[in-house]
Amino acid sequence: MALPDLIEIVPLDKPVRAEITVPGSKSITNRALILAALADGETILRGALWSEDTQIMVECLQEIGFMVNVETDPDETCNRTITVYGNGGAVLRGGTEQQPLELFVGNAGTAARFLAPFLCLGSGVYRLHGVPRMHERPQAALFQALRELGYRVESEKGNDKLPVIIFGGRADLPVSLDARQRVPTKSCKVSIVESSQFASALLLSAKHGGWEIEIVGENAEESPYVAMTMGMQNNFLQFGNVFPIDADTSSGSYFWAAGHLSGEKPPFPIQVNHWPINDWQIDRKFPLVAEDISEGRNTISRQNDLGDSIMTAIVIAPFSNHAVIFTDLGRLRVQECERVVALRTELTKCGAKVVEEGDTLTVWPSPLHGAEIETYNDHRMAMCFAVLGLKVPGIKIINPACVKKTFPNFFQKLAAPPPHGLGATILDAKTGRKLTHEELFAD
């Protein structure tokens, strides 16, 4: 049974004490899948996220010819144990120039970007394409870096976005305009102004490509997602062929936020189990940042303080007793939707005072009311505003099934009885009927 097109979150009517388990990290899972495919022999990924984005990555690897086995995880519905059989850096079959191997990446930015350099290690021709929004998202800095390394990368519309044709193997012969204009090298520069995924994508395959990558536009050591990639490379399979995937801290932020909205002082009554102890995920800091805001901190940076969970912080900011300024939000504009505008629009719809200036949002303390929330097919918009619904009556979520991108059982976690859920009531907004556990799974 599918989630309805419009659901209503009923506010919690009593304090809840819960310990929530969230699925594995999407960012870590998709990086680990590439590293495992490049490794030699069997690699077992435990606690790997099983959602739309990671399924897309697995299906692409299988389409290329890698053996990837997927088994259920008894401890978490949306995790899997994934076994990948690598070929020591060899990328398997591709198509021909007349009939490239088609690889569909949906709206998965990590899959689209991580696969592009990976495919350059192959010997065939590949076509990467996705949904219309993925075709709008930036790729130019990555494609230009690959050409600088000597590879033939041709955007079908000439705009350095998807769809793109990638020719495996270095373009040592002048087979295209790009190849004629460049002398193939083994080093390149890549800008991470628009997305740090460009650098991560190159770094993941750099060892097997023999590439030297110079990252510009931001200090790589201070870019949290590039630091995650480097940390994983340094630790991958260090202790055998099993690699554990940490819980997704961006997904965990929604439950820390629910605890924050309870009005109780730390330690909050809602906790997230197995919170990572390493620093690979910047959103690991969300509980501390939320506490800092409640104690008077008034400026939070997308670059230095939080990653995607800054959206969660923005949505609960009207409950602060002071204005909060959220800075460095530029990258939110080119993700699953134009998130800066989306956040401002939907929060304003709920009664919040929000001002957008450049890449900054300022949110003032505001009395909120219910509204129909447009999610723009963005999983994080749906989850952020669902948390708001635990506090504000009348919050209705359009297209809630978009959470399948990273957290298919999110609404089941909201509705499950404590201590493993929050015990929230979720209604079919059109009929007023309470939805069952099975109906709350996004597929």
Protein backbone atom coordinates (compact mmCIF):
# COMPACT_ATOMS: atom_id res chain seq x y z
CA MET A 1 0.00 0.00 0.00
CA ALA A 2 1.39 3.38 -1.00
CA LEU A 3 1.63 6.59 0.98
CA PRO A 4 -1.19 8.98 0.03
CA ASP A 5 -0.32 12.08 -2.00
CA LEU A 6 -1.13 14.31 0.99
CA ILE A 7 -0.69 13.44 4.65
CA GLU A 8 -1.23 15.36 7.88
CA ILE A 9 1.04 15.11 10.91
CA VAL A 10 -0.86 15.33 14.20
CA PRO A 11 1.12 17.09 16.97
CA LEU A 12 2.28 14.96 19.87
CA ASP A 13 -0.07 15.39 22.82
CA LYS A 14 2.29 14.20 25.54
CA PRO A 15 6.01 13.99 26.22
CA VAL A 16 7.80 11.13 24.48
CA ARG A 17 10.91 9.28 25.53
CA ALA A 18 12.45 7.36 22.68
CA GLU A 19 15.67 5.88 21.35
CA ILE A 20 15.54 5.89 17.58
CA THR A 21 17.67 3.88 15.16
CA VAL A 22 18.16 5.55 11.78
CA PRO A 23 19.42 3.90 8.57
CA GLY A 24 23.01 4.04 7.37
CA SER A 25 24.61 7.10 5.82
CA LYS A 26 23.86 7.67 2.15
CA SER A 27 27.11 9.61 1.71
CA ILE A 28 29.20 6.83 3.23
CA THR A 29 27.30 4.01 1.50
CA ASN A 30 27.73 5.38 -2.03
CA ARG A 31 31.41 6.19 -1.44
CA ALA A 32 31.95 2.69 -0.03
CA LEU A 33 30.28 1.08 -3.06
CA ILE A 34 32.76 2.76 -5.40
CA LEU A 35 35.73 1.89 -3.19
CA ALA A 36 34.53 -1.72 -2.92
CA ALA A 37 34.14 -2.02 -6.70
CA LEU A 38 37.73 -0.77 -7.11
CA ALA A 39 39.07 -3.11 -4.41
CA ASP A 40 40.39 -6.59 -5.11
CA GLY A 41 37.96 -9.39 -4.33
CA GLU A 42 35.09 -9.56 -1.83
CA THR A 43 34.11 -6.56 0.28
CA ILE A 44 31.22 -6.70 2.76
CA LEU A 45 29.43 -3.45 3.63
CA ARG A 46 27.40 -3.80 6.85
CA GLY A 47 24.66 -1.37 7.79
CA ALA A 48 24.55 0.06 4.27
CA LEU A 49 21.58 2.31 3.49
CA TRP A 50 19.00 0.80 1.15
CA SER A 51 17.11 3.69 -0.41
CA GLU A 52 16.48 5.10 -3.89
CA ASP A 53 19.94 6.71 -4.18
CA THR A 54 21.92 3.68 -3.02
CA GLN A 55 19.80 1.24 -5.03
CA ILE A 56 20.58 3.33 -8.11
CA MET A 57 24.32 3.03 -7.40
CA VAL A 58 24.07 -0.74 -6.90
CA GLU A 59 22.03 -1.15 -10.11
CA CYS A 60 24.58 0.87 -12.08
CA LEU A 61 27.46 -1.26 -10.80
CA GLN A 62 25.53 -4.40 -11.70
CA GLU A 63 24.75 -3.01 -15.16
CA ILE A 64 28.48 -2.41 -15.70
CA GLY A 65 29.10 -6.05 -14.81
CA PHE A 66 30.07 -6.12 -11.13
CA MET A 67 28.69 -8.87 -8.94
CA VAL A 68 26.85 -7.21 -6.05
CA ASN A 69 24.80 -9.28 -3.59
CA VAL A 70 22.27 -7.64 -1.26
CA GLU A 71 20.92 -9.19 1.96
CA THR A 72 18.42 -7.84 4.47
CA ASP A 73 19.58 -6.43 7.81
CA PRO A 74 17.69 -7.88 10.79
CA ASP A 75 18.33 -4.75 12.88
CA GLU A 76 17.08 -2.05 10.50
CA THR A 77 14.47 -2.32 7.73
CA CYS A 78 16.19 0.20 5.47
CA ASN A 79 19.71 -1.16 5.85
CA ARG A 80 21.33 -3.98 3.92
CA THR A 81 24.47 -6.09 4.02
CA ILE A 82 25.96 -5.55 0.56
CA THR A 83 28.74 -7.75 -0.80
CA VAL A 84 30.71 -6.34 -3.73
CA TYR A 85 33.21 -8.34 -5.77
CA GLY A 86 35.85 -5.91 -7.00
CA ASN A 87 38.32 -6.33 -9.83
CA GLY A 88 41.37 -4.53 -8.50
CA GLY A 89 40.60 -1.27 -10.28
CA ALA A 90 39.38 -2.77 -13.54
CA VAL A 91 36.03 -1.35 -14.67
CA LEU A 92 34.08 -3.88 -16.66
CA ARG A 93 32.07 -3.74 -19.85
CA GLY A 94 30.91 -0.64 -21.63
CA GLY A 95 29.10 -0.07 -24.89
CA THR A 96 30.19 1.41 -28.20
CA GLU A 97 30.06 4.95 -29.55
CA GLN A 98 27.02 3.94 -31.60
CA GLN A 99 25.36 2.15 -28.66
CA PRO A 100 26.70 3.32 -25.29
CA LEU A 101 25.94 1.39 -22.11
CA GLU A 102 22.98 3.26 -20.57
CA LEU A 103 23.24 4.08 -16.86
CA PHE A 104 20.26 5.76 -15.17
CA VAL A 105 21.12 7.77 -12.05
CA GLY A 106 17.70 9.23 -11.18
CA ASN A 107 18.25 12.35 -9.08
CA ALA A 108 21.18 10.84 -7.18
CA GLY A 109 23.96 13.42 -7.25
CA THR A 110 26.45 11.08 -5.60
CA ALA A 111 25.80 8.34 -8.16
CA ALA A 112 26.02 10.70 -11.14
CA ARG A 113 29.21 12.35 -9.97
CA PHE A 114 31.04 9.40 -8.42
CA LEU A 115 30.41 7.22 -11.47
CA ALA A 116 31.77 9.72 -14.03
CA PRO A 117 35.50 9.38 -13.11
CA PHE A 118 34.98 5.70 -12.28
CA LEU A 119 33.76 5.04 -15.85
CA CYS A 120 36.84 6.75 -17.26
CA LEU A 121 38.80 3.78 -15.89
CA GLY A 122 36.85 1.47 -18.23
CA SER A 123 37.37 0.79 -21.90
CA GLY A 124 33.89 1.17 -23.32
CA VAL A 125 31.45 4.01 -23.88
CA TYR A 126 28.85 4.91 -21.27
CA ARG A 127 25.84 7.26 -21.17
CA LEU A 128 24.87 8.76 -17.80
CA HIS A 129 21.37 10.22 -17.57
CA GLY A 130 18.74 10.85 -14.94
CA VAL A 131 15.48 12.63 -14.17
CA PRO A 132 14.93 16.19 -15.46
CA ARG A 133 16.08 17.82 -12.19
CA MET A 134 19.35 15.84 -12.33
CA HIS A 135 19.88 17.21 -15.85
CA GLU A 136 19.71 20.72 -14.38
CA ARG A 137 22.28 20.16 -11.64
CA PRO A 138 25.88 21.38 -12.12
CA GLN A 139 28.57 19.04 -13.47
CA ALA A 140 30.87 21.40 -15.40
CA ALA A 141 33.80 21.51 -12.95
CA LEU A 142 33.93 17.69 -12.84
CA PHE A 143 33.66 17.22 -16.60
CA GLN A 144 36.33 19.86 -17.22
CA ALA A 145 38.68 18.13 -14.75
CA LEU A 146 38.19 14.79 -16.52
CA ARG A 147 39.00 16.40 -19.87
CA GLU A 148 42.08 17.94 -18.29
CA LEU A 149 43.13 14.39 -17.37
CA GLY A 150 42.76 13.43 -21.03
CA TYR A 151 39.34 11.76 -21.12
CA ARG A 152 36.63 12.28 -23.67
CA VAL A 153 33.49 13.54 -21.93
CA GLU A 154 30.71 14.91 -24.15
CA SER A 155 27.57 16.53 -22.77
CA GLU A 156 24.73 15.81 -25.19
CA LYS A 157 23.31 19.35 -24.99
CA GLY A 158 26.70 21.07 -24.94
CA ASN A 159 25.97 22.56 -21.50
CA ASP A 160 28.29 20.38 -19.36
CA LYS A 161 25.33 18.73 -17.64
CA LEU A 162 23.67 15.34 -17.98
CA PRO A 163 23.00 13.47 -20.18
CA VAL A 164 26.68 12.83 -20.88
CA ILE A 165 28.66 10.35 -22.96
CA ILE A 166 31.85 9.12 -21.29
CA PHE A 167 34.54 7.30 -23.24
CA GLY A 168 36.59 5.00 -21.04
CA GLY A 169 40.35 5.21 -21.51
CA ARG A 170 42.50 8.30 -22.05
CA ALA A 171 41.90 10.24 -25.23
CA ASP A 172 45.47 10.09 -26.53
CA LEU A 173 44.25 10.48 -30.09
CA PRO A 174 42.46 13.63 -31.28
CA VAL A 175 39.03 11.99 -31.47
CA SER A 176 37.04 15.03 -30.35
CA LEU A 177 37.30 18.78 -30.12
CA ASP A 178 38.05 18.50 -26.40
CA ALA A 179 40.84 16.02 -27.02
CA ARG A 180 42.38 18.18 -29.75
CA GLN A 181 42.41 21.21 -27.48
CA ARG A 182 44.13 19.47 -24.58
CA VAL A 183 47.29 17.47 -24.15
CA PRO A 184 46.36 14.52 -21.88
CA THR A 185 47.94 14.80 -18.46
CA LYS A 186 47.82 12.93 -15.17
CA SER A 187 46.92 15.94 -13.06
CA CYS A 188 43.99 18.31 -12.89
CA LYS A 189 42.38 21.08 -10.91
CA VAL A 190 38.79 20.86 -9.72
CA SER A 191 36.68 23.58 -8.17
CA ILE A 192 34.34 22.68 -5.33
CA VAL A 193 32.58 26.05 -5.24
CA GLU A 194 29.33 24.47 -6.51
CA SER A 195 29.72 21.01 -4.99
CA SER A 196 32.38 19.16 -3.01
CA GLN A 197 31.13 15.98 -4.71
CA PHE A 198 33.27 16.90 -7.73
CA ALA A 199 36.46 16.52 -5.69
CA SER A 200 35.22 13.42 -3.87
CA ALA A 201 34.34 11.80 -7.19
CA LEU A 202 37.86 12.30 -8.54
CA LEU A 203 39.56 11.28 -5.30
CA LEU A 204 37.65 7.98 -5.10
CA SER A 205 39.10 6.80 -8.45
CA ALA A 206 42.39 8.75 -8.38
CA LYS A 207 44.58 5.90 -7.10
CA HIS A 208 43.58 3.58 -9.93
CA GLY A 209 43.67 6.35 -12.51
CA GLY A 210 47.10 7.52 -11.38
CA TRP A 211 45.73 11.05 -11.06
CA GLU A 212 46.92 13.98 -9.00
CA ILE A 213 44.01 16.15 -7.95
CA GLU A 214 44.36 19.80 -6.94
CA ILE A 215 41.26 21.08 -5.20
CA VAL A 216 40.51 24.79 -5.55
CA GLY A 217 37.74 27.10 -4.38
CA GLU A 218 37.86 26.05 -0.75
CA ASN A 219 40.39 24.59 1.68
CA ALA A 220 40.02 20.85 1.16
CA GLU A 221 40.90 20.16 4.77
CA GLU A 222 37.97 22.34 5.82
CA SER A 223 35.49 20.82 3.36
CA PRO A 224 33.67 18.22 5.46
CA TYR A 225 32.55 15.95 2.64
CA VAL A 226 36.00 15.93 1.01
CA ALA A 227 37.44 15.13 4.44
CA MET A 228 34.93 12.25 4.67
CA THR A 229 36.18 10.87 1.36
CA MET A 230 39.83 11.11 2.41
CA GLY A 231 39.08 9.55 5.79
CA MET A 232 37.28 6.63 4.16
CA GLN A 233 40.11 6.04 1.70
CA ASN A 234 42.63 5.96 4.53
CA ASN A 235 40.56 3.52 6.61
CA PHE A 236 38.83 1.40 3.98
CA LEU A 237 39.37 -2.32 4.60
CA GLN A 238 42.12 -1.53 7.09
CA PHE A 239 40.98 -4.41 9.28
CA GLY A 240 39.87 -7.06 6.80
CA ASN A 241 37.20 -7.15 4.11
CA VAL A 242 34.26 -5.89 6.22
CA PHE A 243 33.42 -2.19 6.29
CA PRO A 244 30.72 -0.91 8.71
CA ILE A 245 28.53 2.00 7.61
CA ASP A 246 27.70 4.60 10.27
CA ALA A 247 24.18 5.86 10.90
CA ASP A 248 23.14 8.81 8.72
CA THR A 249 23.49 11.91 10.87
CA SER A 250 21.44 14.08 8.49
CA SER A 251 18.57 11.62 8.98
CA GLY A 252 19.20 11.57 12.70
CA SER A 253 18.81 15.36 12.88
CA TYR A 254 15.03 15.11 12.53
CA PHE A 255 14.71 13.14 15.74
CA TRP A 256 17.15 15.34 17.67
CA ALA A 257 15.03 18.27 16.45
CA ALA A 258 11.86 16.57 17.71
CA GLY A 259 13.51 16.27 21.11
CA HIS A 260 14.57 19.90 20.93
CA LEU A 261 10.96 20.95 20.24
CA SER A 262 9.77 19.07 23.33
CA GLY A 263 10.75 22.10 25.38
CA GLU A 264 12.78 20.04 27.82
CA LYS A 265 16.36 20.87 28.66
CA PRO A 266 19.24 18.62 27.58
CA PRO A 267 19.63 15.72 27.69
CA PHE A 268 16.63 15.70 25.37
CA PRO A 269 14.04 12.92 25.82
CA ILE A 270 14.51 11.71 22.23
CA GLN A 271 17.89 10.19 21.48
CA VAL A 272 19.38 8.61 18.34
CA ASN A 273 21.11 5.26 18.80
CA HIS A 274 24.60 4.45 17.54
CA TRP A 275 25.54 8.10 16.99
CA PRO A 276 28.91 8.10 15.17
CA ILE A 277 32.06 8.80 17.16
CA ASN A 278 34.20 9.70 14.12
CA ASP A 279 34.03 13.10 12.44
CA TRP A 280 33.33 11.95 8.87
CA GLN A 281 29.80 13.40 8.85
CA ILE A 282 29.54 17.10 9.64
CA ASP A 283 25.92 16.65 10.72
CA ARG A 284 27.18 14.68 13.68
CA LYS A 285 27.35 18.13 15.32
CA PHE A 286 23.62 18.79 14.99
CA PRO A 287 22.66 18.07 18.65
CA LEU A 288 25.37 20.47 19.87
CA VAL A 289 24.45 23.18 17.35
CA ALA A 290 20.76 22.92 18.26
CA GLU A 291 21.69 23.30 21.91
CA ASP A 292 23.91 26.29 21.08
CA ILE A 293 21.00 27.99 19.29
CA SER A 294 18.77 27.50 22.33
CA GLU A 295 21.46 29.12 24.46
CA GLY A 296 21.67 32.23 22.29
CA ARG A 297 23.95 31.47 19.34
CA ASN A 298 22.69 33.49 16.39
CA THR A 299 24.80 32.53 13.33
CA ILE A 300 25.07 29.07 11.76
CA SER A 301 27.10 28.30 8.61
CA ARG A 302 26.37 25.65 5.98
CA GLN A 303 30.09 25.62 5.23
CA ASN A 304 31.55 25.30 8.72
CA ASP A 305 28.85 24.13 11.13
CA LEU A 306 26.34 21.80 9.47
CA GLY A 307 25.69 20.02 6.19
CA ASP A 308 22.20 19.11 4.99
CA SER A 309 20.91 19.20 8.59
CA ILE A 310 21.08 23.00 8.43
CA MET A 311 17.66 22.66 6.78
CA THR A 312 16.38 21.02 9.96
CA ALA A 313 17.85 23.83 12.04
CA ILE A 314 16.23 26.46 9.79
CA VAL A 315 12.78 24.89 10.07
CA ILE A 316 12.83 24.78 13.90
CA ALA A 317 14.45 28.23 14.24
CA PRO A 318 11.09 30.09 14.69
CA PHE A 319 10.87 28.46 18.13
CA SER A 320 14.09 30.18 19.28
CA ASN A 321 13.83 33.28 21.47
CA HIS A 322 16.08 35.25 19.11
CA ALA A 323 16.71 35.72 15.39
CA VAL A 324 19.05 33.15 13.84
CA ILE A 325 21.12 33.88 10.72
CA PHE A 326 21.96 30.93 8.47
CA THR A 327 24.88 31.66 6.14
CA ASP A 328 26.78 30.10 3.21
CA LEU A 329 23.64 28.46 1.80
CA GLY A 330 24.65 28.68 -1.87
CA ARG A 331 25.04 24.95 -2.40
CA LEU A 332 21.49 24.35 -1.20
CA ARG A 333 20.30 26.09 -4.36
CA VAL A 334 21.64 23.41 -6.73
CA GLN A 335 20.63 20.24 -4.88
CA GLU A 336 17.37 18.26 -5.12
CA CYS A 337 15.51 21.56 -5.44
CA GLU A 338 16.27 25.26 -4.97
CA ARG A 339 16.28 24.72 -1.23
CA VAL A 340 16.90 28.30 -0.09
CA VAL A 341 13.81 29.56 -1.87
CA ALA A 342 11.84 26.45 -0.89
CA LEU A 343 12.63 26.86 2.82
CA ARG A 344 11.79 30.55 2.78
CA THR A 345 8.55 29.99 0.86
CA GLU A 346 7.21 27.14 2.98
CA LEU A 347 8.22 28.60 6.35
CA THR A 348 6.60 31.91 5.38
CA LYS A 349 3.48 29.96 4.45
CA CYS A 350 3.43 28.68 8.05
CA GLY A 351 3.61 32.20 9.47
CA ALA A 352 7.37 32.54 10.05
CA LYS A 353 9.26 35.75 9.41
CA VAL A 354 12.09 34.77 7.08
CA VAL A 355 14.30 37.11 5.06
CA GLU A 356 16.54 35.95 2.19
CA GLU A 357 19.58 38.09 1.42
CA GLY A 358 22.13 36.63 -0.96
CA ASP A 359 22.95 33.13 0.30
CA THR A 360 21.71 33.92 3.82
CA LEU A 361 18.37 33.26 5.52
CA THR A 362 17.46 35.08 8.73
CA VAL A 363 14.66 33.48 10.76
CA TRP A 364 12.89 35.37 13.53
CA PRO A 365 10.88 33.95 16.47
CA SER A 366 7.38 33.55 15.06
CA PRO A 367 4.00 32.04 15.98
CA LEU A 368 3.35 29.28 13.46
CA HIS A 369 0.19 27.76 12.01
CA GLY A 370 -0.67 24.88 9.74
CA ALA A 371 -0.20 24.85 5.98
CA GLU A 372 0.07 22.54 2.99
CA ILE A 373 3.80 22.07 2.45
CA GLU A 374 5.12 21.72 -1.07
CA THR A 375 8.08 19.36 -0.95
CA TYR A 376 9.39 19.99 -4.50
CA ASN A 377 10.10 16.24 -4.65
CA ASP A 378 12.85 16.86 -2.08
CA HIS A 379 13.17 14.26 0.65
CA ARG A 380 14.68 16.69 3.15
CA MET A 381 11.89 19.25 2.71
CA ALA A 382 9.36 16.51 3.50
CA MET A 383 11.18 15.33 6.62
CA CYS A 384 12.00 18.79 8.00
CA PHE A 385 8.42 19.97 7.83
CA ALA A 386 7.06 16.66 9.13
CA VAL A 387 9.06 17.37 12.31
CA LEU A 388 7.39 20.79 12.44
CA GLY A 389 4.06 18.98 12.34
CA LEU A 390 4.88 17.26 15.64
CA LYS A 391 4.55 20.70 17.24
CA VAL A 392 2.30 22.78 14.95
CA PRO A 393 -1.30 21.68 14.20
CA GLY A 394 -2.38 21.42 10.60
CA ILE A 395 0.92 20.67 8.85
CA LYS A 396 0.18 18.71 5.68
CA ILE A 397 2.92 17.22 3.49
CA ILE A 398 2.50 17.00 -0.30
CA ASN A 399 4.17 14.00 -1.98
CA PRO A 400 5.54 12.47 1.25
CA ALA A 401 6.83 9.42 -0.66
CA CYS A 402 9.81 11.49 -1.85
CA VAL A 403 11.53 10.45 1.42
CA LYS A 404 12.33 7.16 -0.32
CA LYS A 405 15.45 8.87 -1.67
CA THR A 406 17.28 8.40 1.64
CA PHE A 407 14.86 7.28 4.40
CA PRO A 408 11.96 5.12 3.12
CA ASN A 409 10.73 4.21 6.63
CA PHE A 410 10.91 7.75 8.04
CA PHE A 411 7.17 8.08 8.62
CA GLN A 412 7.07 4.61 10.15
CA LYS A 413 9.68 5.81 12.67
CA LEU A 414 7.54 8.86 13.49
CA ALA A 415 4.46 6.73 14.07
CA ALA A 416 5.92 3.63 15.77
CA PRO A 417 5.20 3.45 19.52
CA PRO A 418 7.99 4.54 21.88
CA PRO A 419 10.74 3.76 22.65
CA HIS A 420 11.53 2.77 19.02
CA GLY A 421 9.38 5.54 17.51
CA LEU A 422 7.68 8.77 18.51
CA GLY A 423 4.09 7.47 18.59
CA ALA A 424 2.83 10.19 16.23
CA THR A 425 -0.52 9.94 14.47
CA ILE A 426 -0.32 10.45 10.70
CA LEU A 427 -3.50 10.91 8.68
CA ASP A 428 -4.55 10.66 5.08
CA ALA A 429 -5.20 14.40 4.78
CA LYS A 430 -8.01 13.96 2.25
CA THR A 431 -10.06 11.46 4.27
CA GLY A 432 -8.86 12.04 7.85
CA ARG A 433 -8.15 8.31 8.21
CA LYS A 434 -5.24 7.23 10.39
CA LEU A 435 -2.60 5.50 8.29
CA THR A 436 -1.33 2.06 9.21
CA HIS A 437 2.30 1.09 9.70
CA GLU A 438 2.40 -0.61 6.32
CA GLU A 439 0.92 2.41 4.52
CA LEU A 440 3.63 4.70 5.92
CA PHE A 441 6.51 3.06 4.02
CA ALA A 442 7.67 5.06 1.00
CA ASP A 443 8.33 2.91 -2.05
